[in-house]
Amino acid sequence: MRNYTPSQLEINAMRQELAANGFTSFMRKMKECTNKPTIDIIKVISAETGVKRDDIRSWKHQGVCNGACANVLCGLAEESGFYFGKHMLVPTKAVCEQWLEHERHNFSGK
């Protein structure tokens, strides 16, 4: 039975953490599958999304800025031969709540 309800602040923080981890994973897989250096991948992302390169670099810490950009990244992944779901770049509230519950259960002793 669930007695814990995370606050919106906790959900937002978890969303940012998961989104940043998702983008980092996306970049790692792109480098592996394309054999391109990070800067070249960022140039492609910038050209495809219209987002400035510096803003794309910030996704490593903040996550992808919106669903439209996430869709572009998913398309680039497919073109590069691997699957990467939008939910991995833009986590839903339900996913964030599940991760918060998991952390609470596994790390707080409750």
PDB file of N, CA and C in Angstrom:
ATOM      1  N   MET A   1       0.835  -1.173   0.000  1.00  0.00           N
ATOM      2  CA  MET A   1       0.000   0.000   0.000  1.00  0.00           C
ATOM      3  C   MET A   1       0.882   1.239   0.000  1.00  0.00           C
ATOM      4  N   ARG A   2       0.459   2.232  -0.734  1.00  0.00           N
ATOM      5  CA  ARG A   2       1.254   3.428  -0.913  1.00  0.00           C
ATOM      6  C   ARG A   2       0.793   4.534   0.020  1.00  0.00           C
ATOM      7  N   ASN A   3       1.653   4.955   0.925  1.00  0.00           N
ATOM      8  CA  ASN A   3       1.317   6.041   1.838  1.00  0.00           C
ATOM      9  C   ASN A   3       2.061   7.324   1.491  1.00  0.00           C
ATOM     10  N   TYR A   4       2.935   7.239   0.536  1.00  0.00           N
ATOM     11  CA  TYR A   4       3.809   8.351   0.193  1.00  0.00           C
ATOM     12  C   TYR A   4       3.331   9.031  -1.084  1.00  0.00           C
ATOM     13  N   THR A   5       3.155  10.321  -1.033  1.00  0.00           N
ATOM     14  CA  THR A   5       2.825  11.097  -2.220  1.00  0.00           C
ATOM     15  C   THR A   5       3.900  12.170  -2.385  1.00  0.00           C
ATOM     16  N   PRO A   6       4.686  12.078  -3.449  1.00  0.00           N
ATOM     17  CA  PRO A   6       5.758  13.056  -3.627  1.00  0.00           C
ATOM     18  C   PRO A   6       5.203  14.438  -3.956  1.00  0.00           C
ATOM     19  N   SER A   7       5.928  15.443  -3.547  1.00  0.00           N
ATOM     20  CA  SER A   7       5.540  16.820  -3.866  1.00  0.00           C
ATOM     21  C   SER A   7       5.875  17.130  -5.322  1.00  0.00           C
ATOM     22  N   GLN A   8       5.280  18.185  -5.833  1.00  0.00           N
ATOM     23  CA  GLN A   8       5.572  18.598  -7.213  1.00  0.00           C
ATOM     24  C   GLN A   8       7.042  18.977  -7.354  1.00  0.00           C
ATOM     25  N   LEU A   9       7.621  19.560  -6.320  1.00  0.00           N
ATOM     26  CA  LEU A   9       9.041  19.910  -6.330  1.00  0.00           C
ATOM     27  C   LEU A   9       9.903  18.657  -6.490  1.00  0.00           C
ATOM     28  N   GLU A  10       9.564  17.594  -5.756  1.00  0.00           N
ATOM     29  CA  GLU A  10      10.300  16.327  -5.874  1.00  0.00           C
ATOM     30  C   GLU A  10      10.131  15.719  -7.267  1.00  0.00           C
ATOM     31  N   ILE A  11       8.919  15.770  -7.784  1.00  0.00           N
ATOM     32  CA  ILE A  11       8.655  15.230  -9.122  1.00  0.00           C
ATOM     33  C   ILE A  11       9.457  15.990 -10.173  1.00  0.00           C
ATOM     34  N   ASN A  12       9.474  17.316 -10.075  1.00  0.00           N
ATOM     35  CA  ASN A  12      10.225  18.123 -11.042  1.00  0.00           C
ATOM     36  C   ASN A  12      11.723  17.836 -10.969  1.00  0.00           C
ATOM     37  N   ALA A  13      12.243  17.684  -9.764  1.00  0.00           N
ATOM     38  CA  ALA A  13      13.670  17.383  -9.598  1.00  0.00           C
ATOM     39  C   ALA A  13      13.994  16.004 -10.183  1.00  0.00           C
ATOM     40  N   MET A  14      13.130  15.041  -9.945  1.00  0.00           N
ATOM     41  CA  MET A  14      13.349  13.705 -10.493  1.00  0.00           C
ATOM     42  C   MET A  14      13.238  13.726 -12.011  1.00  0.00           C
ATOM     43  N   ARG A  15      12.286  14.473 -12.538  1.00  0.00           N
ATOM     44  CA  ARG A  15      12.131  14.578 -13.994  1.00  0.00           C
ATOM     45  C   ARG A  15      13.414  15.122 -14.612  1.00  0.00           C
ATOM     46  N   GLN A  16      13.979  16.153 -14.000  1.00  0.00           N
ATOM     47  CA  GLN A  16      15.216  16.740 -14.527  1.00  0.00           C
ATOM     48  C   GLN A  16      16.365  15.733 -14.454  1.00  0.00           C
ATOM     49  N   GLU A  17      16.459  15.022 -13.347  1.00  0.00           N
ATOM     50  CA  GLU A  17      17.530  14.031 -13.190  1.00  0.00           C
ATOM     51  C   GLU A  17      17.403  12.908 -14.227  1.00  0.00           C
ATOM     52  N   LEU A  18      16.201  12.385 -14.385  1.00  0.00           N
ATOM     53  CA  LEU A  18      15.991  11.306 -15.354  1.00  0.00           C
ATOM     54  C   LEU A  18      16.209  11.791 -16.786  1.00  0.00           C
ATOM     55  N   ALA A  19      15.748  13.002 -17.090  1.00  0.00           N
ATOM     56  CA  ALA A  19      15.918  13.551 -18.435  1.00  0.00           C
ATOM     57  C   ALA A  19      17.394  13.769 -18.752  1.00  0.00           C
ATOM     58  N   ALA A  20      18.142  14.279 -17.794  1.00  0.00           N
ATOM     59  CA  ALA A  20      19.588  14.484 -17.996  1.00  0.00           C
ATOM     60  C   ALA A  20      20.284  13.143 -18.202  1.00  0.00           C
ATOM     61  N   ASN A  21      19.921  12.148 -17.396  1.00  0.00           N
ATOM     62  CA  ASN A  21      20.504  10.813 -17.564  1.00  0.00           C
ATOM     63  C   ASN A  21      20.135  10.221 -18.919  1.00  0.00           C
ATOM     64  N   GLY A  22      18.905  10.463 -19.351  1.00  0.00           N
ATOM     65  CA  GLY A  22      18.465   9.974 -20.657  1.00  0.00           C
ATOM     66  C   GLY A  22      19.259  10.593 -21.787  1.00  0.00           C
ATOM     67  N   PHE A  23      19.485  11.906 -21.717  1.00  0.00           N
ATOM     68  CA  PHE A  23      20.256  12.563 -22.772  1.00  0.00           C
ATOM     69  C   PHE A  23      21.694  12.062 -22.778  1.00  0.00           C
ATOM     70  N   THR A  24      22.287  11.885 -21.611  1.00  0.00           N
ATOM     71  CA  THR A  24      23.653  11.376 -21.531  1.00  0.00           C
ATOM     72  C   THR A  24      23.734   9.973 -22.155  1.00  0.00           C
ATOM     73  N   SER A  25      22.742   9.153 -21.884  1.00  0.00           N
ATOM     74  CA  SER A  25      22.695   7.805 -22.472  1.00  0.00           C
ATOM     75  C   SER A  25      22.527   7.877 -23.987  1.00  0.00           C
ATOM     76  N   PHE A  26      21.670   8.783 -24.432  1.00  0.00           N
ATOM     77  CA  PHE A  26      21.479   8.972 -25.876  1.00  0.00           C
ATOM     78  C   PHE A  26      22.802   9.339 -26.552  1.00  0.00           C
ATOM     79  N   MET A  27      23.516  10.286 -25.978  1.00  0.00           N
ATOM     80  CA  MET A  27      24.790  10.724 -26.568  1.00  0.00           C
ATOM     81  C   MET A  27      25.806   9.580 -26.587  1.00  0.00           C
ATOM     82  N   ARG A  28      25.876   8.839 -25.509  1.00  0.00           N
ATOM     83  CA  ARG A  28      26.813   7.713 -25.437  1.00  0.00           C
ATOM     84  C   ARG A  28      26.500   6.691 -26.536  1.00  0.00           C
ATOM     85  N   LYS A  29      25.217   6.379 -26.718  1.00  0.00           N
ATOM     86  CA  LYS A  29      24.817   5.403 -27.733  1.00  0.00           C
ATOM     87  C   LYS A  29      25.048   5.946 -29.144  1.00  0.00           C
ATOM     88  N   MET A  30      24.800   7.233 -29.365  1.00  0.00           N
ATOM     89  CA  MET A  30      25.065   7.840 -30.675  1.00  0.00           C
ATOM     90  C   MET A  30      26.544   7.759 -31.026  1.00  0.00           C
ATOM     91  N   LYS A  31      27.399   8.063 -30.054  1.00  0.00           N
ATOM     92  CA  LYS A  31      28.842   7.992 -30.303  1.00  0.00           C
ATOM     93  C   LYS A  31      29.258   6.560 -30.642  1.00  0.00           C
ATOM     94  N   GLU A  32      28.672   5.610 -29.936  1.00  0.00           N
ATOM     95  CA  GLU A  32      28.987   4.200 -30.167  1.00  0.00           C
ATOM     96  C   GLU A  32      28.532   3.743 -31.557  1.00  0.00           C
ATOM     97  N   CYS A  33      27.336   4.140 -31.961  1.00  0.00           N
ATOM     98  CA  CYS A  33      26.751   3.653 -33.211  1.00  0.00           C
ATOM     99  C   CYS A  33      27.222   4.405 -34.451  1.00  0.00           C
ATOM    100  N   THR A  34      27.630   5.650 -34.275  1.00  0.00           N
ATOM    101  CA  THR A  34      28.025   6.452 -35.440  1.00  0.00           C
ATOM    102  C   THR A  34      29.530   6.650 -35.564  1.00  0.00           C
ATOM    103  N   ASN A  35      30.255   6.360 -34.499  1.00  0.00           N
ATOM    104  CA  ASN A  35      31.703   6.613 -34.454  1.00  0.00           C
ATOM    105  C   ASN A  35      32.040   8.075 -34.712  1.00  0.00           C
ATOM    106  N   LYS A  36      31.125   8.964 -34.359  1.00  0.00           N
ATOM    107  CA  LYS A  36      31.355  10.400 -34.500  1.00  0.00           C
ATOM    108  C   LYS A  36      31.710  10.992 -33.147  1.00  0.00           C
ATOM    109  N   PRO A  37      32.533  12.047 -33.149  1.00  0.00           N
ATOM    110  CA  PRO A  37      32.811  12.728 -31.877  1.00  0.00           C
ATOM    111  C   PRO A  37      31.588  13.529 -31.415  1.00  0.00           C
ATOM    112  N   THR A  38      31.573  13.842 -30.140  1.00  0.00           N
ATOM    113  CA  THR A  38      30.449  14.557 -29.536  1.00  0.00           C
ATOM    114  C   THR A  38      30.096  15.824 -30.303  1.00  0.00           C
ATOM    115  N   ILE A  39      31.093  16.618 -30.674  1.00  0.00           N
ATOM    116  CA  ILE A  39      30.813  17.894 -31.352  1.00  0.00           C
ATOM    117  C   ILE A  39      30.058  17.684 -32.656  1.00  0.00           C
ATOM    118  N   ASP A  40      30.387  16.630 -33.395  1.00  0.00           N
ATOM    119  CA  ASP A  40      29.687  16.368 -34.652  1.00  0.00           C
ATOM    120  C   ASP A  40      28.233  15.959 -34.405  1.00  0.00           C
ATOM    121  N   ILE A  41      28.011  15.195 -33.360  1.00  0.00           N
ATOM    122  CA  ILE A  41      26.641  14.798 -33.021  1.00  0.00           C
ATOM    123  C   ILE A  41      25.835  16.022 -32.585  1.00  0.00           C
ATOM    124  N   ILE A  42      26.455  16.892 -31.807  1.00  0.00           N
ATOM    125  CA  ILE A  42      25.777  18.121 -31.376  1.00  0.00           C
ATOM    126  C   ILE A  42      25.448  19.004 -32.580  1.00  0.00           C
ATOM    127  N   LYS A  43      26.345  19.071 -33.560  1.00  0.00           N
ATOM    128  CA  LYS A  43      26.080  19.850 -34.774  1.00  0.00           C
ATOM    129  C   LYS A  43      24.860  19.304 -35.516  1.00  0.00           C
ATOM    130  N   VAL A  44      24.752  17.987 -35.600  1.00  0.00           N
ATOM    131  CA  VAL A  44      23.602  17.366 -36.268  1.00  0.00           C
ATOM    132  C   VAL A  44      22.320  17.671 -35.501  1.00  0.00           C
ATOM    133  N   ILE A  45      22.365  17.515 -34.184  1.00  0.00           N
ATOM    134  CA  ILE A  45      21.190  17.797 -33.361  1.00  0.00           C
ATOM    135  C   ILE A  45      20.767  19.255 -33.531  1.00  0.00           C
ATOM    136  N   SER A  46      21.731  20.154 -33.529  1.00  0.00           N
ATOM    137  CA  SER A  46      21.443  21.578 -33.691  1.00  0.00           C
ATOM    138  C   SER A  46      20.787  21.854 -35.045  1.00  0.00           C
ATOM    139  N   ALA A  47      21.335  21.255 -36.091  1.00  0.00           N
ATOM    140  CA  ALA A  47      20.782  21.457 -37.435  1.00  0.00           C
ATOM    141  C   ALA A  47      19.359  20.910 -37.539  1.00  0.00           C
ATOM    142  N   GLU A  48      19.111  19.778 -36.894  1.00  0.00           N
ATOM    143  CA  GLU A  48      17.798  19.130 -36.984  1.00  0.00           C
ATOM    144  C   GLU A  48      16.743  19.789 -36.098  1.00  0.00           C
ATOM    145  N   THR A  49      17.167  20.368 -34.967  1.00  0.00           N
ATOM    146  CA  THR A  49      16.199  20.930 -34.011  1.00  0.00           C
ATOM    147  C   THR A  49      16.107  22.453 -34.066  1.00  0.00           C
ATOM    148  N   GLY A  50      17.174  23.101 -34.564  1.00  0.00           N
ATOM    149  CA  GLY A  50      17.221  24.559 -34.543  1.00  0.00           C
ATOM    150  C   GLY A  50      17.656  25.112 -33.190  1.00  0.00           C
ATOM    151  N   VAL A  51      18.081  24.238 -32.294  1.00  0.00           N
ATOM    152  CA  VAL A  51      18.527  24.655 -30.968  1.00  0.00           C
ATOM    153  C   VAL A  51      20.021  24.946 -31.027  1.00  0.00           C
ATOM    154  N   LYS A  52      20.449  26.013 -30.364  1.00  0.00           N
ATOM    155  CA  LYS A  52      21.864  26.386 -30.348  1.00  0.00           C
ATOM    156  C   LYS A  52      22.696  25.305 -29.671  1.00  0.00           C
ATOM    157  N   ARG A  53      23.925  25.172 -30.139  1.00  0.00           N
ATOM    158  CA  ARG A  53      24.825  24.139 -29.615  1.00  0.00           C
ATOM    159  C   ARG A  53      25.036  24.259 -28.109  1.00  0.00           C
ATOM    160  N   ASP A  54      25.210  25.470 -27.608  1.00  0.00           N
ATOM    161  CA  ASP A  54      25.410  25.649 -26.159  1.00  0.00           C
ATOM    162  C   ASP A  54      24.195  25.180 -25.374  1.00  0.00           C
ATOM    163  N   ASP A  55      23.012  25.418 -25.923  1.00  0.00           N
ATOM    164  CA  ASP A  55      21.791  24.963 -25.255  1.00  0.00           C
ATOM    165  C   ASP A  55      21.718  23.431 -25.254  1.00  0.00           C
ATOM    166  N   ILE A  56      22.148  22.818 -26.348  1.00  0.00           N
ATOM    167  CA  ILE A  56      22.165  21.359 -26.410  1.00  0.00           C
ATOM    168  C   ILE A  56      23.139  20.799 -25.375  1.00  0.00           C
ATOM    169  N   ARG A  57      24.280  21.431 -25.222  1.00  0.00           N
ATOM    170  CA  ARG A  57      25.243  20.979 -24.212  1.00  0.00           C
ATOM    171  C   ARG A  57      24.639  21.037 -22.807  1.00  0.00           C
ATOM    172  N   SER A  58      23.762  22.000 -22.564  1.00  0.00           N
ATOM    173  CA  SER A  58      23.134  22.120 -21.244  1.00  0.00           C
ATOM    174  C   SER A  58      22.171  20.969 -20.961  1.00  0.00           C
ATOM    175  N   TRP A  59      21.724  20.264 -21.993  1.00  0.00           N
ATOM    176  CA  TRP A  59      20.828  19.132 -21.798  1.00  0.00           C
ATOM    177  C   TRP A  59      21.489  18.044 -20.969  1.00  0.00           C
ATOM    178  N   LYS A  60      22.802  18.025 -20.948  1.00  0.00           N
ATOM    179  CA  LYS A  60      23.522  17.044 -20.131  1.00  0.00           C
ATOM    180  C   LYS A  60      23.176  17.211 -18.647  1.00  0.00           C
ATOM    181  N   HIS A  61      22.824  18.427 -18.262  1.00  0.00           N
ATOM    182  CA  HIS A  61      22.500  18.723 -16.870  1.00  0.00           C
ATOM    183  C   HIS A  61      21.004  18.932 -16.640  1.00  0.00           C
ATOM    184  N   GLN A  62      20.280  19.367 -17.679  1.00  0.00           N
ATOM    185  CA  GLN A  62      18.876  19.738 -17.515  1.00  0.00           C
ATOM    186  C   GLN A  62      17.909  18.831 -18.249  1.00  0.00           C
ATOM    187  N   GLY A  63      18.408  18.038 -19.163  1.00  0.00           N
ATOM    188  CA  GLY A  63      17.530  17.214 -19.986  1.00  0.00           C
ATOM    189  C   GLY A  63      17.077  17.954 -21.230  1.00  0.00           C
ATOM    190  N   VAL A  64      16.486  17.229 -22.149  1.00  0.00           N
ATOM    191  CA  VAL A  64      16.013  17.785 -23.417  1.00  0.00           C
ATOM    192  C   VAL A  64      14.922  18.816 -23.139  1.00  0.00           C
ATOM    193  N   CYS A  65      14.943  19.915 -23.901  1.00  0.00           N
ATOM    194  CA  CYS A  65      14.092  21.062 -23.588  1.00  0.00           C
ATOM    195  C   CYS A  65      12.601  20.848 -23.853  1.00  0.00           C
ATOM    196  N   ASN A  66      12.240  19.956 -24.790  1.00  0.00           N
ATOM    197  CA  ASN A  66      10.811  19.759 -25.070  1.00  0.00           C
ATOM    198  C   ASN A  66      10.576  18.466 -25.851  1.00  0.00           C
ATOM    199  N   GLY A  67       9.319  18.123 -25.968  1.00  0.00           N
ATOM    200  CA  GLY A  67       8.942  16.887 -26.649  1.00  0.00           C
ATOM    201  C   GLY A  67       9.292  16.871 -28.122  1.00  0.00           C
ATOM    202  N   ALA A  68       9.213  18.025 -28.779  1.00  0.00           N
ATOM    203  CA  ALA A  68       9.542  18.079 -30.207  1.00  0.00           C
ATOM    204  C   ALA A  68      11.016  17.737 -30.430  1.00  0.00           C
ATOM    205  N   CYS A  69      11.881  18.271 -29.593  1.00  0.00           N
ATOM    206  CA  CYS A  69      13.316  17.955 -29.700  1.00  0.00           C
ATOM    207  C   CYS A  69      13.555  16.479 -29.384  1.00  0.00           C
ATOM    208  N   ALA A  70      12.842  15.961 -28.395  1.00  0.00           N
ATOM    209  CA  ALA A  70      12.970  14.541 -28.054  1.00  0.00           C
ATOM    210  C   ALA A  70      12.577  13.670 -29.247  1.00  0.00           C
ATOM    211  N   ASN A  71      11.526  14.052 -29.960  1.00  0.00           N
ATOM    212  CA  ASN A  71      11.107  13.294 -31.143  1.00  0.00           C
ATOM    213  C   ASN A  71      12.199  13.287 -32.207  1.00  0.00           C
ATOM    214  N   VAL A  72      12.866  14.429 -32.390  1.00  0.00           N
ATOM    215  CA  VAL A  72      13.964  14.510 -33.358  1.00  0.00           C
ATOM    216  C   VAL A  72      15.094  13.563 -32.945  1.00  0.00           C
ATOM    217  N   LEU A  73      15.439  13.568 -31.658  1.00  0.00           N
ATOM    218  CA  LEU A  73      16.509  12.689 -31.186  1.00  0.00           C
ATOM    219  C   LEU A  73      16.135  11.219 -31.396  1.00  0.00           C
ATOM    220  N   CYS A  74      14.885  10.886 -31.156  1.00  0.00           N
ATOM    221  CA  CYS A  74      14.434   9.507 -31.377  1.00  0.00           C
ATOM    222  C   CYS A  74      14.566   9.121 -32.853  1.00  0.00           C
ATOM    223  N   GLY A  75      14.275  10.075 -33.735  1.00  0.00           N
ATOM    224  CA  GLY A  75      14.449   9.833 -35.167  1.00  0.00           C
ATOM    225  C   GLY A  75      15.910   9.650 -35.537  1.00  0.00           C
ATOM    226  N   LEU A  76      16.783  10.451 -34.952  1.00  0.00           N
ATOM    227  CA  LEU A  76      18.224  10.305 -35.202  1.00  0.00           C
ATOM    228  C   LEU A  76      18.718   8.945 -34.712  1.00  0.00           C
ATOM    229  N   ALA A  77      18.200   8.516 -33.568  1.00  0.00           N
ATOM    230  CA  ALA A  77      18.576   7.194 -33.044  1.00  0.00           C
ATOM    231  C   ALA A  77      18.170   6.108 -34.038  1.00  0.00           C
ATOM    232  N   GLU A  78      16.947   6.195 -34.537  1.00  0.00           N
ATOM    233  CA  GLU A  78      16.468   5.189 -35.483  1.00  0.00           C
ATOM    234  C   GLU A  78      17.331   5.176 -36.745  1.00  0.00           C
ATOM    235  N   GLU A  79      17.669   6.361 -37.255  1.00  0.00           N
ATOM    236  CA  GLU A  79      18.531   6.456 -38.436  1.00  0.00           C
ATOM    237  C   GLU A  79      19.914   5.857 -38.167  1.00  0.00           C
ATOM    238  N   SER A  80      20.329   5.878 -36.899  1.00  0.00           N
ATOM    239  CA  SER A  80      21.649   5.360 -36.526  1.00  0.00           C
ATOM    240  C   SER A  80      21.608   3.887 -36.135  1.00  0.00           C
ATOM    241  N   GLY A  81      20.408   3.298 -36.169  1.00  0.00           N
ATOM    242  CA  GLY A  81      20.290   1.869 -35.966  1.00  0.00           C
ATOM    243  C   GLY A  81      19.947   1.400 -34.571  1.00  0.00           C
ATOM    244  N   PHE A  82      19.394   2.281 -33.754  1.00  0.00           N
ATOM    245  CA  PHE A  82      18.988   1.842 -32.421  1.00  0.00           C
ATOM    246  C   PHE A  82      17.710   2.547 -31.997  1.00  0.00           C
ATOM    247  N   TYR A  83      17.032   1.930 -31.049  1.00  0.00           N
ATOM    248  CA  TYR A  83      15.790   2.493 -30.515  1.00  0.00           C
ATOM    249  C   TYR A  83      16.105   3.363 -29.302  1.00  0.00           C
ATOM    250  N   PHE A  84      15.462   4.516 -29.255  1.00  0.00           N
ATOM    251  CA  PHE A  84      15.533   5.369 -28.073  1.00  0.00           C
ATOM    252  C   PHE A  84      14.176   6.032 -27.933  1.00  0.00           C
ATOM    253  N   GLY A  85      13.451   5.681 -26.892  1.00  0.00           N
ATOM    254  CA  GLY A  85      12.092   6.160 -26.710  1.00  0.00           C
ATOM    255  C   GLY A  85      12.014   7.566 -26.140  1.00  0.00           C
ATOM    256  N   LYS A  86      10.981   8.275 -26.542  1.00  0.00           N
ATOM    257  CA  LYS A  86      10.758   9.636 -26.054  1.00  0.00           C
ATOM    258  C   LYS A  86      10.659   9.672 -24.530  1.00  0.00           C
ATOM    259  N   HIS A  87      10.073   8.621 -23.944  1.00  0.00           N
ATOM    260  CA  HIS A  87       9.923   8.567 -22.485  1.00  0.00           C
ATOM    261  C   HIS A  87      11.274   8.552 -21.770  1.00  0.00           C
ATOM    262  N   MET A  88      12.332   8.176 -22.486  1.00  0.00           N
ATOM    263  CA  MET A  88      13.667   8.161 -21.886  1.00  0.00           C
ATOM    264  C   MET A  88      14.275   9.563 -21.855  1.00  0.00           C
ATOM    265  N   LEU A  89      13.741  10.445 -22.666  1.00  0.00           N
ATOM    266  CA  LEU A  89      14.240  11.822 -22.745  1.00  0.00           C
ATOM    267  C   LEU A  89      13.315  12.814 -22.043  1.00  0.00           C
ATOM    268  N   VAL A  90      12.026  12.506 -22.034  1.00  0.00           N
ATOM    269  CA  VAL A  90      11.025  13.354 -21.396  1.00  0.00           C
ATOM    270  C   VAL A  90      10.167  12.455 -20.500  1.00  0.00           C
ATOM    271  N   PRO A  91      10.630  12.182 -19.280  1.00  0.00           N
ATOM    272  CA  PRO A  91       9.919  11.253 -18.398  1.00  0.00           C
ATOM    273  C   PRO A  91       8.533  11.770 -17.998  1.00  0.00           C
ATOM    274  N   THR A  92       7.596  10.863 -17.916  1.00  0.00           N
ATOM    275  CA  THR A  92       6.240  11.222 -17.502  1.00  0.00           C
ATOM    276  C   THR A  92       6.182  11.384 -15.979  1.00  0.00           C
ATOM    277  N   LYS A  93       5.100  11.976 -15.520  1.00  0.00           N
ATOM    278  CA  LYS A  93       4.902  12.137 -14.078  1.00  0.00           C
ATOM    279  C   LYS A  93       4.864  10.778 -13.392  1.00  0.00           C
ATOM    280  N   ALA A  94       4.203   9.813 -14.015  1.00  0.00           N
ATOM    281  CA  ALA A  94       4.096   8.475 -13.421  1.00  0.00           C
ATOM    282  C   ALA A  94       5.469   7.831 -13.257  1.00  0.00           C
ATOM    283  N   VAL A  95       6.317   7.975 -14.248  1.00  0.00           N
ATOM    284  CA  VAL A  95       7.673   7.420 -14.158  1.00  0.00           C
ATOM    285  C   VAL A  95       8.439   8.100 -13.027  1.00  0.00           C
ATOM    286  N   CYS A  96       8.331   9.406 -12.937  1.00  0.00           N
ATOM    287  CA  CYS A  96       9.012  10.146 -11.867  1.00  0.00           C
ATOM    288  C   CYS A  96       8.529   9.697 -10.496  1.00  0.00           C
ATOM    289  N   GLU A  97       7.225   9.523 -10.354  1.00  0.00           N
ATOM    290  CA  GLU A  97       6.673   9.069  -9.077  1.00  0.00           C
ATOM    291  C   GLU A  97       7.171   7.669  -8.728  1.00  0.00           C
ATOM    292  N   GLN A  98       7.261   6.795  -9.720  1.00  0.00           N
ATOM    293  CA  GLN A  98       7.757   5.439  -9.474  1.00  0.00           C
ATOM    294  C   GLN A  98       9.211   5.464  -9.010  1.00  0.00           C
ATOM    295  N   TRP A  99      10.038   6.303  -9.631  1.00  0.00           N
ATOM    296  CA  TRP A  99      11.438   6.404  -9.222  1.00  0.00           C
ATOM    297  C   TRP A  99      11.560   6.990  -7.819  1.00  0.00           C
ATOM    298  N   LEU A 100      10.730   7.951  -7.501  1.00  0.00           N
ATOM    299  CA  LEU A 100      10.757   8.521  -6.153  1.00  0.00           C
ATOM    300  C   LEU A 100      10.350   7.476  -5.119  1.00  0.00           C
ATOM    301  N   GLU A 101       9.342   6.692  -5.429  1.00  0.00           N
ATOM    302  CA  GLU A 101       8.918   5.620  -4.525  1.00  0.00           C
ATOM    303  C   GLU A 101      10.033   4.591  -4.376  1.00  0.00           C
ATOM    304  N   HIS A 102      10.676   4.253  -5.469  1.00  0.00           N
ATOM    305  CA  HIS A 102      11.797   3.299  -5.444  1.00  0.00           C
ATOM    306  C   HIS A 102      12.926   3.828  -4.556  1.00  0.00           C
ATOM    307  N   GLU A 103      13.283   5.073  -4.728  1.00  0.00           N
ATOM    308  CA  GLU A 103      14.340   5.668  -3.891  1.00  0.00           C
ATOM    309  C   GLU A 103      13.943   5.676  -2.427  1.00  0.00           C
ATOM    310  N   ARG A 104      12.725   6.044  -2.170  1.00  0.00           N
ATOM    311  CA  ARG A 104      12.243   6.108  -0.776  1.00  0.00           C
ATOM    312  C   ARG A 104      12.300   4.714  -0.144  1.00  0.00           C
ATOM    313  N   HIS A 105      11.849   3.731  -0.881  1.00  0.00           N
ATOM    314  CA  HIS A 105      11.811   2.363  -0.354  1.00  0.00           C
ATOM    315  C   HIS A 105      13.226   1.794  -0.158  1.00  0.00           C
ATOM    316  N   ASN A 106      14.112   2.030  -1.117  1.00  0.00           N
ATOM    317  CA  ASN A 106      15.426   1.410  -1.084  1.00  0.00           C
ATOM    318  C   ASN A 106      16.473   2.167  -0.278  1.00  0.00           C
ATOM    319  N   PHE A 107      16.283   3.448  -0.072  1.00  0.00           N
ATOM    320  CA  PHE A 107      17.335   4.222   0.567  1.00  0.00           C
ATOM    321  C   PHE A 107      16.935   4.857   1.894  1.00  0.00           C
ATOM    322  N   SER A 108      15.667   4.803   2.246  1.00  0.00           N
ATOM    323  CA  SER A 108      15.263   5.417   3.508  1.00  0.00           C
ATOM    324  C   SER A 108      14.929   4.381   4.578  1.00  0.00           C
ATOM    325  N   GLY A 109      14.874   3.126   4.191  1.00  0.00           N
ATOM    326  CA  GLY A 109      14.528   2.079   5.141  1.00  0.00           C
ATOM    327  C   GLY A 109      13.039   1.972   5.412  1.00  0.00           C
ATOM    328  N   LYS A 110      12.216   2.672   4.637  1.00  0.00           N
ATOM    329  CA  LYS A 110      10.760   2.649   4.833  1.00  0.00           C
ATOM    330  C   LYS A 110      10.097   1.719   3.855  1.00  0.00           C
TER     331      LYS A 110
END
